Amino acid sequence: MEIYFSSKFEREYRRLSLIVKMAAEKKEKIFKINPFQTSLETHKLKGALKDFWAFSINKKYRIIFEFVKPDVVWFPRRQGSIRTL
């Protein structure tokens, strides 16, 4: 699985706490092997974000992504707090 990161995503990622970054990196490794592994809680988004998917980092944060091809994804957005998205 290839992952491409937008500059906005990278900028927001740098602002996260070390604990959240470590959890995100662990989940990204799982995601690269199987994006639908149950521990990721991968789900299709609705409404204005209906073209995107998301997987959970922890109870508060998730990563929003888009499938470009079956084996290529784009992380266009920052990691979102579930409470604000």
PDB file of N, CA and C in Angstrom:
ATOM      1  N   MET A   1       0.837  -1.176   0.000  1.00  0.00           N
ATOM      2  CA  MET A   1       0.000   0.000   0.000  1.00  0.00           C
ATOM      3  C   MET A   1       0.884   1.242   0.000  1.00  0.00           C
ATOM      4  N   GLU A   2       0.672   2.094  -0.972  1.00  0.00           N
ATOM      5  CA  GLU A   2       1.383   3.376  -1.032  1.00  0.00           C
ATOM      6  C   GLU A   2       0.508   4.442  -0.389  1.00  0.00           C
ATOM      7  N   ILE A   3       1.125   5.321   0.398  1.00  0.00           N
ATOM      8  CA  ILE A   3       0.395   6.415   1.029  1.00  0.00           C
ATOM      9  C   ILE A   3       1.072   7.723   0.654  1.00  0.00           C
ATOM     10  N   TYR A   4       0.264   8.666   0.180  1.00  0.00           N
ATOM     11  CA  TYR A   4       0.748  10.007  -0.117  1.00  0.00           C
ATOM     12  C   TYR A   4       0.135  10.980   0.884  1.00  0.00           C
ATOM     13  N   PHE A   5       0.955  11.886   1.396  1.00  0.00           N
ATOM     14  CA  PHE A   5       0.530  12.835   2.421  1.00  0.00           C
ATOM     15  C   PHE A   5       0.493  14.250   1.853  1.00  0.00           C
ATOM     16  N   SER A   6      -0.579  14.980   2.123  1.00  0.00           N
ATOM     17  CA  SER A   6      -0.630  16.381   1.712  1.00  0.00           C
ATOM     18  C   SER A   6       0.236  17.205   2.666  1.00  0.00           C
ATOM     19  N   SER A   7       0.614  18.382   2.236  1.00  0.00           N
ATOM     20  CA  SER A   7       1.419  19.256   3.107  1.00  0.00           C
ATOM     21  C   SER A   7       0.616  19.666   4.334  1.00  0.00           C
ATOM     22  N   LYS A   8      -0.695  19.835   4.178  1.00  0.00           N
ATOM     23  CA  LYS A   8      -1.540  20.176   5.330  1.00  0.00           C
ATOM     24  C   LYS A   8      -1.536  19.045   6.353  1.00  0.00           C
ATOM     25  N   PHE A   9      -1.634  17.820   5.859  1.00  0.00           N
ATOM     26  CA  PHE A   9      -1.597  16.663   6.755  1.00  0.00           C
ATOM     27  C   PHE A   9      -0.276  16.644   7.527  1.00  0.00           C
ATOM     28  N   GLU A  10       0.826  16.801   6.819  1.00  0.00           N
ATOM     29  CA  GLU A  10       2.145  16.759   7.466  1.00  0.00           C
ATOM     30  C   GLU A  10       2.303  17.881   8.488  1.00  0.00           C
ATOM     31  N   ARG A  11       1.802  19.053   8.169  1.00  0.00           N
ATOM     32  CA  ARG A  11       1.889  20.189   9.085  1.00  0.00           C
ATOM     33  C   ARG A  11       1.092  19.917  10.366  1.00  0.00           C
ATOM     34  N   GLU A  12      -0.118  19.414  10.223  1.00  0.00           N
ATOM     35  CA  GLU A  12      -0.953  19.106  11.388  1.00  0.00           C
ATOM     36  C   GLU A  12      -0.366  17.936  12.196  1.00  0.00           C
ATOM     37  N   TYR A  13       0.210  16.971  11.497  1.00  0.00           N
ATOM     38  CA  TYR A  13       0.805  15.814  12.182  1.00  0.00           C
ATOM     39  C   TYR A  13       1.916  16.269  13.131  1.00  0.00           C
ATOM     40  N   ARG A  14       2.727  17.203  12.682  1.00  0.00           N
ATOM     41  CA  ARG A  14       3.835  17.695  13.518  1.00  0.00           C
ATOM     42  C   ARG A  14       3.343  18.323  14.817  1.00  0.00           C
ATOM     43  N   ARG A  15       2.135  18.810  14.833  1.00  0.00           N
ATOM     44  CA  ARG A  15       1.570  19.468  16.018  1.00  0.00           C
ATOM     45  C   ARG A  15       1.006  18.499  17.057  1.00  0.00           C
ATOM     46  N   LEU A  16       0.859  17.243  16.689  1.00  0.00           N
ATOM     47  CA  LEU A  16       0.294  16.252  17.611  1.00  0.00           C
ATOM     48  C   LEU A  16       1.270  15.905  18.724  1.00  0.00           C
ATOM     49  N   SER A  17       0.732  15.430  19.826  1.00  0.00           N
ATOM     50  CA  SER A  17       1.584  14.985  20.932  1.00  0.00           C
ATOM     51  C   SER A  17       2.344  13.725  20.521  1.00  0.00           C
ATOM     52  N   LEU A  18       3.425  13.453  21.192  1.00  0.00           N
ATOM     53  CA  LEU A  18       4.235  12.270  20.900  1.00  0.00           C
ATOM     54  C   LEU A  18       3.415  10.990  21.058  1.00  0.00           C
ATOM     55  N   ILE A  19       2.566  10.936  22.053  1.00  0.00           N
ATOM     56  CA  ILE A  19       1.745   9.738  22.296  1.00  0.00           C
ATOM     57  C   ILE A  19       0.812   9.479  21.115  1.00  0.00           C
ATOM     58  N   VAL A  20       0.177  10.526  20.603  1.00  0.00           N
ATOM     59  CA  VAL A  20      -0.729  10.368  19.462  1.00  0.00           C
ATOM     60  C   VAL A  20       0.066   9.993  18.216  1.00  0.00           C
ATOM     61  N   LYS A  21       1.234  10.597  18.016  1.00  0.00           N
ATOM     62  CA  LYS A  21       2.076  10.253  16.863  1.00  0.00           C
ATOM     63  C   LYS A  21       2.481   8.780  16.891  1.00  0.00           C
ATOM     64  N   MET A  22       2.864   8.292  18.051  1.00  0.00           N
ATOM     65  CA  MET A  22       3.270   6.880  18.166  1.00  0.00           C
ATOM     66  C   MET A  22       2.095   5.963  17.845  1.00  0.00           C
ATOM     67  N   ALA A  23       0.913   6.296  18.345  1.00  0.00           N
ATOM     68  CA  ALA A  23      -0.278   5.487  18.058  1.00  0.00           C
ATOM     69  C   ALA A  23      -0.605   5.536  16.566  1.00  0.00           C
ATOM     70  N   ALA A  24      -0.476   6.720  15.957  1.00  0.00           N
ATOM     71  CA  ALA A  24      -0.761   6.864  14.524  1.00  0.00           C
ATOM     72  C   ALA A  24       0.199   6.028  13.684  1.00  0.00           C
ATOM     73  N   GLU A  25       1.463   6.033  14.043  1.00  0.00           N
ATOM     74  CA  GLU A  25       2.449   5.252  13.291  1.00  0.00           C
ATOM     75  C   GLU A  25       2.177   3.755  13.408  1.00  0.00           C
ATOM     76  N   LYS A  26       1.764   3.325  14.583  1.00  0.00           N
ATOM     77  CA  LYS A  26       1.423   1.910  14.784  1.00  0.00           C
ATOM     78  C   LYS A  26       0.218   1.530  13.917  1.00  0.00           C
ATOM     79  N   LYS A  27      -0.797   2.378  13.905  1.00  0.00           N
ATOM     80  CA  LYS A  27      -1.996   2.103  13.107  1.00  0.00           C
ATOM     81  C   LYS A  27      -1.691   2.173  11.612  1.00  0.00           C
ATOM     82  N   GLU A  28      -0.803   3.076  11.215  1.00  0.00           N
ATOM     83  CA  GLU A  28      -0.440   3.179   9.797  1.00  0.00           C
ATOM     84  C   GLU A  28       0.225   1.896   9.310  1.00  0.00           C
ATOM     85  N   LYS A  29       1.045   1.282  10.140  1.00  0.00           N
ATOM     86  CA  LYS A  29       1.681   0.015   9.760  1.00  0.00           C
ATOM     87  C   LYS A  29       0.629  -1.054   9.513  1.00  0.00           C
ATOM     88  N   ILE A  30      -0.370  -1.114  10.379  1.00  0.00           N
ATOM     89  CA  ILE A  30      -1.466  -2.076  10.203  1.00  0.00           C
ATOM     90  C   ILE A  30      -2.237  -1.745   8.929  1.00  0.00           C
ATOM     91  N   PHE A  31      -2.522  -0.456   8.727  1.00  0.00           N
ATOM     92  CA  PHE A  31      -3.274   0.017   7.567  1.00  0.00           C
ATOM     93  C   PHE A  31      -2.594  -0.390   6.262  1.00  0.00           C
ATOM     94  N   LYS A  32      -1.267  -0.294   6.197  1.00  0.00           N
ATOM     95  CA  LYS A  32      -0.533  -0.651   4.976  1.00  0.00           C
ATOM     96  C   LYS A  32      -0.694  -2.127   4.629  1.00  0.00           C
ATOM     97  N   ILE A  33      -0.834  -2.958   5.636  1.00  0.00           N
ATOM     98  CA  ILE A  33      -1.009  -4.400   5.414  1.00  0.00           C
ATOM     99  C   ILE A  33      -2.454  -4.724   5.056  1.00  0.00           C
ATOM    100  N   ASN A  34      -3.393  -4.146   5.820  1.00  0.00           N
ATOM    101  CA  ASN A  34      -4.815  -4.403   5.605  1.00  0.00           C
ATOM    102  C   ASN A  34      -5.625  -3.190   6.060  1.00  0.00           C
ATOM    103  N   PRO A  35      -6.063  -2.333   5.123  1.00  0.00           N
ATOM    104  CA  PRO A  35      -6.783  -1.119   5.506  1.00  0.00           C
ATOM    105  C   PRO A  35      -8.125  -1.376   6.197  1.00  0.00           C
ATOM    106  N   PHE A  36      -8.612  -2.606   6.129  1.00  0.00           N
ATOM    107  CA  PHE A  36      -9.889  -2.923   6.758  1.00  0.00           C
ATOM    108  C   PHE A  36      -9.744  -3.848   7.965  1.00  0.00           C
ATOM    109  N   GLN A  37      -8.555  -3.899   8.527  1.00  0.00           N
ATOM    110  CA  GLN A  37      -8.344  -4.694   9.733  1.00  0.00           C
ATOM    111  C   GLN A  37      -9.247  -4.127  10.833  1.00  0.00           C
ATOM    112  N   THR A  38      -9.905  -4.988  11.579  1.00  0.00           N
ATOM    113  CA  THR A  38     -10.947  -4.539  12.514  1.00  0.00           C
ATOM    114  C   THR A  38     -10.467  -3.558  13.576  1.00  0.00           C
ATOM    115  N   SER A  39      -9.227  -3.643  14.002  1.00  0.00           N
ATOM    116  CA  SER A  39      -8.750  -2.731  15.044  1.00  0.00           C
ATOM    117  C   SER A  39      -8.655  -1.287  14.557  1.00  0.00           C
ATOM    118  N   LEU A  40      -8.668  -1.076  13.237  1.00  0.00           N
ATOM    119  CA  LEU A  40      -8.603   0.273  12.674  1.00  0.00           C
ATOM    120  C   LEU A  40      -9.966   0.972  12.667  1.00  0.00           C
ATOM    121  N   GLU A  41     -11.030   0.181  12.734  1.00  0.00           N
ATOM    122  CA  GLU A  41     -12.387   0.734  12.668  1.00  0.00           C
ATOM    123  C   GLU A  41     -12.577   1.594  11.407  1.00  0.00           C
ATOM    124  N   THR A  42     -12.087   1.105  10.282  1.00  0.00           N
ATOM    125  CA  THR A  42     -12.187   1.819   9.005  1.00  0.00           C
ATOM    126  C   THR A  42     -13.651   1.951   8.613  1.00  0.00           C
ATOM    127  N   HIS A  43     -14.030   3.158   8.195  1.00  0.00           N
ATOM    128  CA  HIS A  43     -15.414   3.393   7.816  1.00  0.00           C
ATOM    129  C   HIS A  43     -15.513   4.490   6.760  1.00  0.00           C
ATOM    130  N   LYS A  44     -16.545   4.395   5.944  1.00  0.00           N
ATOM    131  CA  LYS A  44     -16.843   5.393   4.919  1.00  0.00           C
ATOM    132  C   LYS A  44     -17.501   6.579   5.605  1.00  0.00           C
ATOM    133  N   LEU A  45     -17.105   7.778   5.202  1.00  0.00           N
ATOM    134  CA  LEU A  45     -17.682   8.980   5.798  1.00  0.00           C
ATOM    135  C   LEU A  45     -18.948   9.388   5.052  1.00  0.00           C
ATOM    136  N   LYS A  46     -19.712  10.279   5.672  1.00  0.00           N
ATOM    137  CA  LYS A  46     -20.995  10.714   5.104  1.00  0.00           C
ATOM    138  C   LYS A  46     -20.999  12.225   4.931  1.00  0.00           C
ATOM    139  N   GLY A  47     -22.037  12.706   4.297  1.00  0.00           N
ATOM    140  CA  GLY A  47     -22.216  14.150   4.148  1.00  0.00           C
ATOM    141  C   GLY A  47     -21.185  14.768   3.233  1.00  0.00           C
ATOM    142  N   ALA A  48     -20.634  15.910   3.667  1.00  0.00           N
ATOM    143  CA  ALA A  48     -19.660  16.641   2.856  1.00  0.00           C
ATOM    144  C   ALA A  48     -18.396  15.836   2.592  1.00  0.00           C
ATOM    145  N   LEU A  49     -18.122  14.837   3.422  1.00  0.00           N
ATOM    146  CA  LEU A  49     -16.914  14.006   3.278  1.00  0.00           C
ATOM    147  C   LEU A  49     -17.236  12.623   2.695  1.00  0.00           C
ATOM    148  N   LYS A  50     -18.338  12.507   1.984  1.00  0.00           N
ATOM    149  CA  LYS A  50     -18.801  11.202   1.506  1.00  0.00           C
ATOM    150  C   LYS A  50     -17.836  10.484   0.562  1.00  0.00           C
ATOM    151  N   ASP A  51     -16.887  11.196  -0.026  1.00  0.00           N
ATOM    152  CA  ASP A  51     -15.909  10.571  -0.917  1.00  0.00           C
ATOM    153  C   ASP A  51     -14.696  10.024  -0.168  1.00  0.00           C
ATOM    154  N   PHE A  52     -14.680  10.188   1.141  1.00  0.00           N
ATOM    155  CA  PHE A  52     -13.530   9.817   1.952  1.00  0.00           C
ATOM    156  C   PHE A  52     -13.852   8.682   2.913  1.00  0.00           C
ATOM    157  N   TRP A  53     -12.792   8.093   3.421  1.00  0.00           N
ATOM    158  CA  TRP A  53     -12.849   7.062   4.438  1.00  0.00           C
ATOM    159  C   TRP A  53     -12.050   7.558   5.645  1.00  0.00           C
ATOM    160  N   ALA A  54     -12.152   6.849   6.751  1.00  0.00           N
ATOM    161  CA  ALA A  54     -11.360   7.200   7.929  1.00  0.00           C
ATOM    162  C   ALA A  54     -11.037   5.936   8.710  1.00  0.00           C
ATOM    163  N   PHE A  55      -9.908   5.971   9.423  1.00  0.00           N
ATOM    164  CA  PHE A  55      -9.617   4.916  10.390  1.00  0.00           C
ATOM    165  C   PHE A  55      -9.200   5.568  11.695  1.00  0.00           C
ATOM    166  N   SER A  56      -9.439   4.859  12.777  1.00  0.00           N
ATOM    167  CA  SER A  56      -9.214   5.409  14.110  1.00  0.00           C
ATOM    168  C   SER A  56      -7.776   5.236  14.568  1.00  0.00           C
ATOM    169  N   ILE A  57      -7.252   6.295  15.174  1.00  0.00           N
ATOM    170  CA  ILE A  57      -5.956   6.230  15.846  1.00  0.00           C
ATOM    171  C   ILE A  57      -6.196   5.840  17.298  1.00  0.00           C
ATOM    172  N   ASN A  58      -7.148   6.518  17.922  1.00  0.00           N
ATOM    173  CA  ASN A  58      -7.587   6.220  19.281  1.00  0.00           C
ATOM    174  C   ASN A  58      -9.031   6.708  19.392  1.00  0.00           C
ATOM    175  N   LYS A  59      -9.549   6.843  20.585  1.00  0.00           N
ATOM    176  CA  LYS A  59     -10.947   7.248  20.729  1.00  0.00           C
ATOM    177  C   LYS A  59     -11.190   8.692  20.300  1.00  0.00           C
ATOM    178  N   LYS A  60     -10.152   9.507  20.289  1.00  0.00           N
ATOM    179  CA  LYS A  60     -10.319  10.924  19.965  1.00  0.00           C
ATOM    180  C   LYS A  60      -9.903  11.282  18.539  1.00  0.00           C
ATOM    181  N   TYR A  61      -8.924  10.601  17.971  1.00  0.00           N
ATOM    182  CA  TYR A  61      -8.370  10.974  16.672  1.00  0.00           C
ATOM    183  C   TYR A  61      -8.574   9.895  15.623  1.00  0.00           C
ATOM    184  N   ARG A  62      -8.715  10.374  14.393  1.00  0.00           N
ATOM    185  CA  ARG A  62      -8.809   9.473  13.243  1.00  0.00           C
ATOM    186  C   ARG A  62      -8.049  10.092  12.078  1.00  0.00           C
ATOM    187  N   ILE A  63      -7.701   9.273  11.118  1.00  0.00           N
ATOM    188  CA  ILE A  63      -7.054   9.746   9.894  1.00  0.00           C
ATOM    189  C   ILE A  63      -8.051   9.589   8.755  1.00  0.00           C
ATOM    190  N   ILE A  64      -8.253  10.683   8.035  1.00  0.00           N
ATOM    191  CA  ILE A  64      -9.153  10.692   6.892  1.00  0.00           C
ATOM    192  C   ILE A  64      -8.327  10.432   5.640  1.00  0.00           C
ATOM    193  N   PHE A  65      -8.853   9.594   4.745  1.00  0.00           N
ATOM    194  CA  PHE A  65      -8.104   9.254   3.532  1.00  0.00           C
ATOM    195  C   PHE A  65      -9.040   9.002   2.371  1.00  0.00           C
ATOM    196  N   GLU A  66      -8.421   8.923   1.200  1.00  0.00           N
ATOM    197  CA  GLU A  66      -9.154   8.653  -0.031  1.00  0.00           C
ATOM    198  C   GLU A  66      -8.403   7.572  -0.805  1.00  0.00           C
ATOM    199  N   PHE A  67      -9.143   6.593  -1.325  1.00  0.00           N
ATOM    200  CA  PHE A  67      -8.537   5.595  -2.198  1.00  0.00           C
ATOM    201  C   PHE A  67      -8.343   6.217  -3.573  1.00  0.00           C
ATOM    202  N   VAL A  68      -7.098   6.281  -4.048  1.00  0.00           N
ATOM    203  CA  VAL A  68      -6.796   6.781  -5.384  1.00  0.00           C
ATOM    204  C   VAL A  68      -6.833   5.611  -6.358  1.00  0.00           C
ATOM    205  N   LYS A  69      -6.261   4.501  -5.935  1.00  0.00           N
ATOM    206  CA  LYS A  69      -6.277   3.215  -6.644  1.00  0.00           C
ATOM    207  C   LYS A  69      -6.437   2.161  -5.554  1.00  0.00           C
ATOM    208  N   PRO A  70      -6.667   0.913  -5.917  1.00  0.00           N
ATOM    209  CA  PRO A  70      -6.826  -0.110  -4.874  1.00  0.00           C
ATOM    210  C   PRO A  70      -5.634  -0.217  -3.917  1.00  0.00           C
ATOM    211  N   ASP A  71      -4.430   0.105  -4.387  1.00  0.00           N
ATOM    212  CA  ASP A  71      -3.250  -0.022  -3.526  1.00  0.00           C
ATOM    213  C   ASP A  71      -2.558   1.322  -3.261  1.00  0.00           C
ATOM    214  N   VAL A  72      -3.290   2.428  -3.527  1.00  0.00           N
ATOM    215  CA  VAL A  72      -2.742   3.780  -3.308  1.00  0.00           C
ATOM    216  C   VAL A  72      -3.785   4.620  -2.586  1.00  0.00           C
ATOM    217  N   VAL A  73      -3.358   5.269  -1.500  1.00  0.00           N
ATOM    218  CA  VAL A  73      -4.261   6.165  -0.776  1.00  0.00           C
ATOM    219  C   VAL A  73      -3.628   7.537  -0.597  1.00  0.00           C
ATOM    220  N   TRP A  74      -4.468   8.507  -0.385  1.00  0.00           N
ATOM    221  CA  TRP A  74      -4.084   9.903  -0.222  1.00  0.00           C
ATOM    222  C   TRP A  74      -4.602  10.358   1.134  1.00  0.00           C
ATOM    223  N   PHE A  75      -3.721  10.911   1.952  1.00  0.00           N
ATOM    224  CA  PHE A  75      -4.120  11.497   3.234  1.00  0.00           C
ATOM    225  C   PHE A  75      -4.168  13.012   3.005  1.00  0.00           C
ATOM    226  N   PRO A  76      -5.316  13.538   2.545  1.00  0.00           N
ATOM    227  CA  PRO A  76      -5.385  14.947   2.179  1.00  0.00           C
ATOM    228  C   PRO A  76      -5.612  15.883   3.353  1.00  0.00           C
ATOM    229  N   ARG A  77      -6.130  15.361   4.417  1.00  0.00           N
ATOM    230  CA  ARG A  77      -6.548  16.202   5.534  1.00  0.00           C
ATOM    231  C   ARG A  77      -5.750  15.890   6.773  1.00  0.00           C
ATOM    232  N   ARG A  78      -5.918  16.766   7.699  1.00  0.00           N
ATOM    233  CA  ARG A  78      -5.297  16.533   8.997  1.00  0.00           C
ATOM    234  C   ARG A  78      -6.014  15.400   9.708  1.00  0.00           C
ATOM    235  N   GLN A  79      -5.390  14.917  10.724  1.00  0.00           N
ATOM    236  CA  GLN A  79      -6.029  13.949  11.579  1.00  0.00           C
ATOM    237  C   GLN A  79      -7.125  14.683  12.319  1.00  0.00           C
ATOM    238  N   GLY A  80      -8.293  14.159  12.335  1.00  0.00           N
ATOM    239  CA  GLY A  80      -9.410  14.890  12.928  1.00  0.00           C
ATOM    240  C   GLY A  80      -9.786  14.371  14.291  1.00  0.00           C
ATOM    241  N   SER A  81     -10.146  15.307  15.122  1.00  0.00           N
ATOM    242  CA  SER A  81     -10.760  14.934  16.376  1.00  0.00           C
ATOM    243  C   SER A  81     -12.161  14.459  16.053  1.00  0.00           C
ATOM    244  N   ILE A  82     -12.534  13.330  16.523  1.00  0.00           N
ATOM    245  CA  ILE A  82     -13.848  12.761  16.211  1.00  0.00           C
ATOM    246  C   ILE A  82     -14.950  13.705  16.674  1.00  0.00           C
ATOM    247  N   ARG A  83     -14.703  14.427  17.738  1.00  0.00           N
ATOM    248  CA  ARG A  83     -15.726  15.339  18.254  1.00  0.00           C
ATOM    249  C   ARG A  83     -15.951  16.520  17.324  1.00  0.00           C
ATOM    250  N   THR A  84     -14.989  16.880  16.497  1.00  0.00           N
ATOM    251  CA  THR A  84     -15.157  18.072  15.666  1.00  0.00           C
ATOM    252  C   THR A  84     -15.478  17.750  14.219  1.00  0.00           C
ATOM    253  N   LEU A  85     -15.396  16.504  13.809  1.00  0.00           N
ATOM    254  CA  LEU A  85     -15.697  16.200  12.400  1.00  0.00           C
ATOM    255  C   LEU A  85     -17.060  15.584  12.247  1.00  0.00           C
TER     256      LEU A  85
END
